[in-house]
Amino acid sequence: MAKGIKRKIKIVMKNVQNQIRIATDQDSLFSRGLSREGYDGGYEAALSDVMLALNGVKPCNRPNFWPEFWKEDK
């Protein structure tokens, strides 16, 4: 089941990345630098976190959103 979900999330991520590319002015350094800072970029980051979680990996760059229930076995 997770395999089908992962495949669908990858398709959605490609769609989001394409939308970001379309909205980015490639001739503007400012536009390129901020292209992932809006809603679409946040959505892409959230999908990336979900993919990591489905693969059993804690997204370490956003620790405040992943509480103590995510403890790795030692």
PDB file of N, CA and C in Angstrom:
ATOM      1  N   MET A   1       0.813  -1.201   0.000  1.00  0.00           N
ATOM      2  CA  MET A   1       0.000   0.000   0.000  1.00  0.00           C
ATOM      3  C   MET A   1       0.854   1.261   0.000  1.00  0.00           C
ATOM      4  N   ALA A   2       1.891   1.276   0.848  1.00  0.00           N
ATOM      5  CA  ALA A   2       2.748   2.470   0.903  1.00  0.00           C
ATOM      6  C   ALA A   2       3.438   2.714  -0.428  1.00  0.00           C
ATOM      7  N   LYS A   3       3.707   1.646  -1.164  1.00  0.00           N
ATOM      8  CA  LYS A   3       4.371   1.808  -2.453  1.00  0.00           C
ATOM      9  C   LYS A   3       3.528   2.639  -3.409  1.00  0.00           C
ATOM     10  N   GLY A   4       2.231   2.391  -3.453  1.00  0.00           N
ATOM     11  CA  GLY A   4       1.336   3.170  -4.303  1.00  0.00           C
ATOM     12  C   GLY A   4       1.253   4.617  -3.856  1.00  0.00           C
ATOM     13  N   ILE A   5       1.258   4.811  -2.545  1.00  0.00           N
ATOM     14  CA  ILE A   5       1.219   6.173  -2.006  1.00  0.00           C
ATOM     15  C   ILE A   5       2.499   6.914  -2.384  1.00  0.00           C
ATOM     16  N   LYS A   6       3.626   6.263  -2.243  1.00  0.00           N
ATOM     17  CA  LYS A   6       4.911   6.889  -2.585  1.00  0.00           C
ATOM     18  C   LYS A   6       4.952   7.271  -4.057  1.00  0.00           C
ATOM     19  N   ARG A   7       4.455   6.402  -4.909  1.00  0.00           N
ATOM     20  CA  ARG A   7       4.437   6.690  -6.349  1.00  0.00           C
ATOM     21  C   ARG A   7       3.581   7.922  -6.652  1.00  0.00           C
ATOM     22  N   LYS A   8       2.426   8.003  -5.995  1.00  0.00           N
ATOM     23  CA  LYS A   8       1.542   9.145  -6.212  1.00  0.00           C
ATOM     24  C   LYS A   8       2.157  10.430  -5.670  1.00  0.00           C
ATOM     25  N   ILE A   9       2.812  10.350  -4.516  1.00  0.00           N
ATOM     26  CA  ILE A   9       3.458  11.536  -3.951  1.00  0.00           C
ATOM     27  C   ILE A   9       4.575  12.023  -4.867  1.00  0.00           C
ATOM     28  N   LYS A  10       5.332  11.101  -5.446  1.00  0.00           N
ATOM     29  CA  LYS A  10       6.399  11.494  -6.382  1.00  0.00           C
ATOM     30  C   LYS A  10       5.823  12.231  -7.590  1.00  0.00           C
ATOM     31  N   ILE A  11       4.683  11.776  -8.089  1.00  0.00           N
ATOM     32  CA  ILE A  11       4.030  12.449  -9.224  1.00  0.00           C
ATOM     33  C   ILE A  11       3.597  13.856  -8.811  1.00  0.00           C
ATOM     34  N   VAL A  12       3.005  13.968  -7.624  1.00  0.00           N
ATOM     35  CA  VAL A  12       2.566  15.271  -7.133  1.00  0.00           C
ATOM     36  C   VAL A  12       3.772  16.197  -6.941  1.00  0.00           C
ATOM     37  N   MET A  13       4.864  15.666  -6.405  1.00  0.00           N
ATOM     38  CA  MET A  13       6.071  16.478  -6.207  1.00  0.00           C
ATOM     39  C   MET A  13       6.594  17.017  -7.533  1.00  0.00           C
ATOM     40  N   LYS A  14       6.570  16.194  -8.575  1.00  0.00           N
ATOM     41  CA  LYS A  14       6.999  16.669  -9.894  1.00  0.00           C
ATOM     42  C   LYS A  14       6.089  17.782 -10.391  1.00  0.00           C
ATOM     43  N   ASN A  15       4.785  17.635 -10.161  1.00  0.00           N
ATOM     44  CA  ASN A  15       3.834  18.682 -10.564  1.00  0.00           C
ATOM     45  C   ASN A  15       4.112  19.981  -9.821  1.00  0.00           C
ATOM     46  N   VAL A  16       4.385  19.895  -8.527  1.00  0.00           N
ATOM     47  CA  VAL A  16       4.688  21.090  -7.735  1.00  0.00           C
ATOM     48  C   VAL A  16       5.987  21.727  -8.223  1.00  0.00           C
ATOM     49  N   GLN A  17       7.007  20.916  -8.477  1.00  0.00           N
ATOM     50  CA  GLN A  17       8.279  21.443  -8.969  1.00  0.00           C
ATOM     51  C   GLN A  17       8.105  22.131 -10.315  1.00  0.00           C
ATOM     52  N   ASN A  18       7.276  21.562 -11.173  1.00  0.00           N
ATOM     53  CA  ASN A  18       6.999  22.205 -12.470  1.00  0.00           C
ATOM     54  C   ASN A  18       6.297  23.545 -12.267  1.00  0.00           C
ATOM     55  N   GLN A  19       5.366  23.602 -11.334  1.00  0.00           N
ATOM     56  CA  GLN A  19       4.661  24.851 -11.054  1.00  0.00           C
ATOM     57  C   GLN A  19       5.641  25.909 -10.544  1.00  0.00           C
ATOM     58  N   ILE A  20       6.578  25.500  -9.713  1.00  0.00           N
ATOM     59  CA  ILE A  20       7.595  26.432  -9.207  1.00  0.00           C
ATOM     60  C   ILE A  20       8.447  26.942 -10.364  1.00  0.00           C
ATOM     61  N   ARG A  21       8.843  26.042 -11.266  1.00  0.00           N
ATOM     62  CA  ARG A  21       9.646  26.441 -12.434  1.00  0.00           C
ATOM     63  C   ARG A  21       8.901  27.447 -13.304  1.00  0.00           C
ATOM     64  N   ILE A  22       7.613  27.192 -13.526  1.00  0.00           N
ATOM     65  CA  ILE A  22       6.803  28.077 -14.362  1.00  0.00           C
ATOM     66  C   ILE A  22       6.717  29.470 -13.746  1.00  0.00           C
ATOM     67  N   ALA A  23       6.608  29.537 -12.425  1.00  0.00           N
ATOM     68  CA  ALA A  23       6.444  30.820 -11.735  1.00  0.00           C
ATOM     69  C   ALA A  23       7.768  31.558 -11.512  1.00  0.00           C
ATOM     70  N   THR A  24       8.867  30.917 -11.860  1.00  0.00           N
ATOM     71  CA  THR A  24      10.183  31.511 -11.617  1.00  0.00           C
ATOM     72  C   THR A  24      10.708  32.188 -12.882  1.00  0.00           C
ATOM     73  N   ASP A  25      11.148  33.420 -12.738  1.00  0.00           N
ATOM     74  CA  ASP A  25      11.805  34.135 -13.828  1.00  0.00           C
ATOM     75  C   ASP A  25      13.276  33.723 -13.827  1.00  0.00           C
ATOM     76  N   GLN A  26      13.668  32.899 -14.779  1.00  0.00           N
ATOM     77  CA  GLN A  26      15.025  32.361 -14.816  1.00  0.00           C
ATOM     78  C   GLN A  26      16.088  33.436 -15.043  1.00  0.00           C
ATOM     79  N   ASP A  27      15.697  34.611 -15.544  1.00  0.00           N
ATOM     80  CA  ASP A  27      16.650  35.698 -15.772  1.00  0.00           C
ATOM     81  C   ASP A  27      16.874  36.542 -14.527  1.00  0.00           C
ATOM     82  N   SER A  28      16.120  36.276 -13.475  1.00  0.00           N
ATOM     83  CA  SER A  28      16.224  37.078 -12.255  1.00  0.00           C
ATOM     84  C   SER A  28      16.823  36.257 -11.120  1.00  0.00           C
ATOM     85  N   LEU A  29      17.974  36.671 -10.634  1.00  0.00           N
ATOM     86  CA  LEU A  29      18.613  35.995  -9.512  1.00  0.00           C
ATOM     87  C   LEU A  29      17.701  36.022  -8.285  1.00  0.00           C
ATOM     88  N   PHE A  30      17.028  37.154  -8.068  1.00  0.00           N
ATOM     89  CA  PHE A  30      16.099  37.306  -6.955  1.00  0.00           C
ATOM     90  C   PHE A  30      14.956  36.294  -7.060  1.00  0.00           C
ATOM     91  N   SER A  31      14.377  36.167  -8.233  1.00  0.00           N
ATOM     92  CA  SER A  31      13.275  35.236  -8.453  1.00  0.00           C
ATOM     93  C   SER A  31      13.726  33.792  -8.248  1.00  0.00           C
ATOM     94  N   ARG A  32      14.874  33.456  -8.774  1.00  0.00           N
ATOM     95  CA  ARG A  32      15.389  32.093  -8.607  1.00  0.00           C
ATOM     96  C   ARG A  32      15.668  31.790  -7.145  1.00  0.00           C
ATOM     97  N   GLY A  33      16.198  32.766  -6.421  1.00  0.00           N
ATOM     98  CA  GLY A  33      16.529  32.553  -5.015  1.00  0.00           C
ATOM     99  C   GLY A  33      15.313  32.383  -4.124  1.00  0.00           C
ATOM    100  N   LEU A  34      14.232  33.043  -4.469  1.00  0.00           N
ATOM    101  CA  LEU A  34      13.028  32.993  -3.638  1.00  0.00           C
ATOM    102  C   LEU A  34      11.945  32.064  -4.187  1.00  0.00           C
ATOM    103  N   SER A  35      12.212  31.384  -5.267  1.00  0.00           N
ATOM    104  CA  SER A  35      11.169  30.601  -5.932  1.00  0.00           C
ATOM    105  C   SER A  35      10.562  29.514  -5.055  1.00  0.00           C
ATOM    106  N   ARG A  36      11.294  28.990  -4.118  1.00  0.00           N
ATOM    107  CA  ARG A  36      10.779  27.924  -3.263  1.00  0.00           C
ATOM    108  C   ARG A  36      10.297  28.434  -1.901  1.00  0.00           C
ATOM    109  N   GLU A  37      10.243  29.746  -1.735  1.00  0.00           N
ATOM    110  CA  GLU A  37       9.865  30.325  -0.445  1.00  0.00           C
ATOM    111  C   GLU A  37       8.366  30.546  -0.289  1.00  0.00           C
ATOM    112  N   GLY A  38       7.594  30.356  -1.315  1.00  0.00           N
ATOM    113  CA  GLY A  38       6.151  30.589  -1.246  1.00  0.00           C
ATOM    114  C   GLY A  38       5.379  29.342  -0.874  1.00  0.00           C
ATOM    115  N   TYR A  39       4.085  29.393  -1.134  1.00  0.00           N
ATOM    116  CA  TYR A  39       3.177  28.290  -0.814  1.00  0.00           C
ATOM    117  C   TYR A  39       3.620  26.989  -1.478  1.00  0.00           C
ATOM    118  N   ASP A  40       3.945  27.051  -2.770  1.00  0.00           N
ATOM    119  CA  ASP A  40       4.324  25.835  -3.496  1.00  0.00           C
ATOM    120  C   ASP A  40       5.586  25.210  -2.915  1.00  0.00           C
ATOM    121  N   GLY A  41       6.546  26.030  -2.548  1.00  0.00           N
ATOM    122  CA  GLY A  41       7.772  25.513  -1.948  1.00  0.00           C
ATOM    123  C   GLY A  41       7.523  24.864  -0.597  1.00  0.00           C
ATOM    124  N   GLY A  42       6.617  25.452   0.186  1.00  0.00           N
ATOM    125  CA  GLY A  42       6.251  24.853   1.467  1.00  0.00           C
ATOM    126  C   GLY A  42       5.541  23.526   1.287  1.00  0.00           C
ATOM    127  N   TYR A  43       4.701  23.470   0.267  1.00  0.00           N
ATOM    128  CA  TYR A  43       3.994  22.224  -0.030  1.00  0.00           C
ATOM    129  C   TYR A  43       4.990  21.145  -0.459  1.00  0.00           C
ATOM    130  N   GLU A  44       5.970  21.541  -1.268  1.00  0.00           N
ATOM    131  CA  GLU A  44       7.001  20.598  -1.694  1.00  0.00           C
ATOM    132  C   GLU A  44       7.791  20.077  -0.486  1.00  0.00           C
ATOM    133  N   ALA A  45       8.131  20.957   0.450  1.00  0.00           N
ATOM    134  CA  ALA A  45       8.867  20.552   1.647  1.00  0.00           C
ATOM    135  C   ALA A  45       8.036  19.597   2.503  1.00  0.00           C
ATOM    136  N   ALA A  46       6.734  19.863   2.616  1.00  0.00           N
ATOM    137  CA  ALA A  46       5.862  18.994   3.396  1.00  0.00           C
ATOM    138  C   ALA A  46       5.772  17.600   2.763  1.00  0.00           C
ATOM    139  N   LEU A  47       5.639  17.558   1.448  1.00  0.00           N
ATOM    140  CA  LEU A  47       5.609  16.264   0.759  1.00  0.00           C
ATOM    141  C   LEU A  47       6.918  15.514   0.957  1.00  0.00           C
ATOM    142  N   SER A  48       8.016  16.238   0.946  1.00  0.00           N
ATOM    143  CA  SER A  48       9.321  15.624   1.176  1.00  0.00           C
ATOM    144  C   SER A  48       9.392  15.014   2.580  1.00  0.00           C
ATOM    145  N   ASP A  49       8.873  15.719   3.583  1.00  0.00           N
ATOM    146  CA  ASP A  49       8.830  15.193   4.946  1.00  0.00           C
ATOM    147  C   ASP A  49       8.000  13.915   5.025  1.00  0.00           C
ATOM    148  N   VAL A  50       6.862  13.904   4.343  1.00  0.00           N
ATOM    149  CA  VAL A  50       6.004  12.720   4.343  1.00  0.00           C
ATOM    150  C   VAL A  50       6.729  11.542   3.700  1.00  0.00           C
ATOM    151  N   MET A  51       7.424  11.788   2.599  1.00  0.00           N
ATOM    152  CA  MET A  51       8.183  10.709   1.953  1.00  0.00           C
ATOM    153  C   MET A  51       9.259  10.161   2.881  1.00  0.00           C
ATOM    154  N   LEU A  52       9.957  11.052   3.574  1.00  0.00           N
ATOM    155  CA  LEU A  52      10.971  10.600   4.529  1.00  0.00           C
ATOM    156  C   LEU A  52      10.334   9.743   5.622  1.00  0.00           C
ATOM    157  N   ALA A  53       9.211  10.195   6.160  1.00  0.00           N
ATOM    158  CA  ALA A  53       8.535   9.441   7.216  1.00  0.00           C
ATOM    159  C   ALA A  53       8.077   8.075   6.716  1.00  0.00           C
ATOM    160  N   LEU A  54       7.567   8.014   5.492  1.00  0.00           N
ATOM    161  CA  LEU A  54       7.152   6.725   4.929  1.00  0.00           C
ATOM    162  C   LEU A  54       8.327   5.775   4.752  1.00  0.00           C
ATOM    163  N   ASN A  55       9.525   6.343   4.602  1.00  0.00           N
ATOM    164  CA  ASN A  55      10.729   5.529   4.461  1.00  0.00           C
ATOM    165  C   ASN A  55      11.412   5.278   5.806  1.00  0.00           C
ATOM    166  N   GLY A  56      10.775   5.722   6.897  1.00  0.00           N
ATOM    167  CA  GLY A  56      11.313   5.484   8.226  1.00  0.00           C
ATOM    168  C   GLY A  56      12.422   6.430   8.636  1.00  0.00           C
ATOM    169  N   VAL A  57      12.495   7.597   7.999  1.00  0.00           N
ATOM    170  CA  VAL A  57      13.545   8.568   8.288  1.00  0.00           C
ATOM    171  C   VAL A  57      12.910   9.812   8.915  1.00  0.00           C
ATOM    172  N   LYS A  58      13.477  10.268  10.036  1.00  0.00           N
ATOM    173  CA  LYS A  58      12.979  11.486  10.674  1.00  0.00           C
ATOM    174  C   LYS A  58      13.519  12.695   9.926  1.00  0.00           C
ATOM    175  N   PRO A  59      12.659  13.604   9.477  1.00  0.00           N
ATOM    176  CA  PRO A  59      13.131  14.831   8.841  1.00  0.00           C
ATOM    177  C   PRO A  59      13.838  15.717   9.870  1.00  0.00           C
ATOM    178  N   CYS A  60      15.148  15.724   9.857  1.00  0.00           N
ATOM    179  CA  CYS A  60      15.919  16.363  10.918  1.00  0.00           C
ATOM    180  C   CYS A  60      15.987  17.877  10.806  1.00  0.00           C
ATOM    181  N   ASN A  61      15.674  18.456   9.664  1.00  0.00           N
ATOM    182  CA  ASN A  61      15.798  19.903   9.546  1.00  0.00           C
ATOM    183  C   ASN A  61      14.569  20.650  10.052  1.00  0.00           C
ATOM    184  N   ARG A  62      13.564  19.938  10.523  1.00  0.00           N
ATOM    185  CA  ARG A  62      12.386  20.561  11.126  1.00  0.00           C
ATOM    186  C   ARG A  62      12.048  19.838  12.434  1.00  0.00           C
ATOM    187  N   PRO A  63      12.948  19.894  13.412  1.00  0.00           N
ATOM    188  CA  PRO A  63      12.773  19.088  14.622  1.00  0.00           C
ATOM    189  C   PRO A  63      11.562  19.465  15.462  1.00  0.00           C
ATOM    190  N   ASN A  64      11.133  20.708  15.430  1.00  0.00           N
ATOM    191  CA  ASN A  64      10.001  21.114  16.261  1.00  0.00           C
ATOM    192  C   ASN A  64       8.678  20.517  15.806  1.00  0.00           C
ATOM    193  N   PHE A  65       8.617  20.046  14.574  1.00  0.00           N
ATOM    194  CA  PHE A  65       7.380  19.463  14.069  1.00  0.00           C
ATOM    195  C   PHE A  65       7.313  17.958  14.270  1.00  0.00           C
ATOM    196  N   TRP A  66       8.421  17.338  14.676  1.00  0.00           N
ATOM    197  CA  TRP A  66       8.461  15.900  14.878  1.00  0.00           C
ATOM    198  C   TRP A  66       8.763  15.643  16.354  1.00  0.00           C
ATOM    199  N   PRO A  67       7.708  15.474  17.170  1.00  0.00           N
ATOM    200  CA  PRO A  67       7.881  15.379  18.619  1.00  0.00           C
ATOM    201  C   PRO A  67       8.574  14.094  19.070  1.00  0.00           C
ATOM    202  N   GLU A  68       8.604  13.931  20.356  1.00  0.00           N
ATOM    203  CA  GLU A  68       9.341  12.846  20.992  1.00  0.00           C
ATOM    204  C   GLU A  68       8.877  11.446  20.600  1.00  0.00           C
ATOM    205  N   PHE A  69       7.686  11.291  20.043  1.00  0.00           N
ATOM    206  CA  PHE A  69       7.255   9.939  19.682  1.00  0.00           C
ATOM    207  C   PHE A  69       8.144   9.339  18.608  1.00  0.00           C
ATOM    208  N   TRP A  70       8.938  10.178  17.950  1.00  0.00           N
ATOM    209  CA  TRP A  70       9.835   9.673  16.919  1.00  0.00           C
ATOM    210  C   TRP A  70      11.214   9.445  17.559  1.00  0.00           C
ATOM    211  N   LYS A  71      11.339   8.348  18.272  1.00  0.00           N
ATOM    212  CA  LYS A  71      12.615   8.010  18.900  1.00  0.00           C
ATOM    213  C   LYS A  71      13.182   6.795  18.176  1.00  0.00           C
ATOM    214  N   GLU A  72      14.439   6.899  17.902  1.00  0.00           N
ATOM    215  CA  GLU A  72      15.077   5.795  17.207  1.00  0.00           C
ATOM    216  C   GLU A  72      15.521   4.759  18.221  1.00  0.00           C
ATOM    217  N   ASP A  73      15.403   3.494  17.841  1.00  0.00           N
ATOM    218  CA  ASP A  73      15.839   2.401  18.719  1.00  0.00           C
ATOM    219  C   ASP A  73      17.350   2.436  18.849  1.00  0.00           C
ATOM    220  N   LYS A  74      17.809   2.295  20.070  1.00  0.00           N
ATOM    221  CA  LYS A  74      19.253   2.280  20.320  1.00  0.00           C
ATOM    222  C   LYS A  74      19.711   0.925  20.749  1.00  0.00           C
TER     223      LYS A  74
END
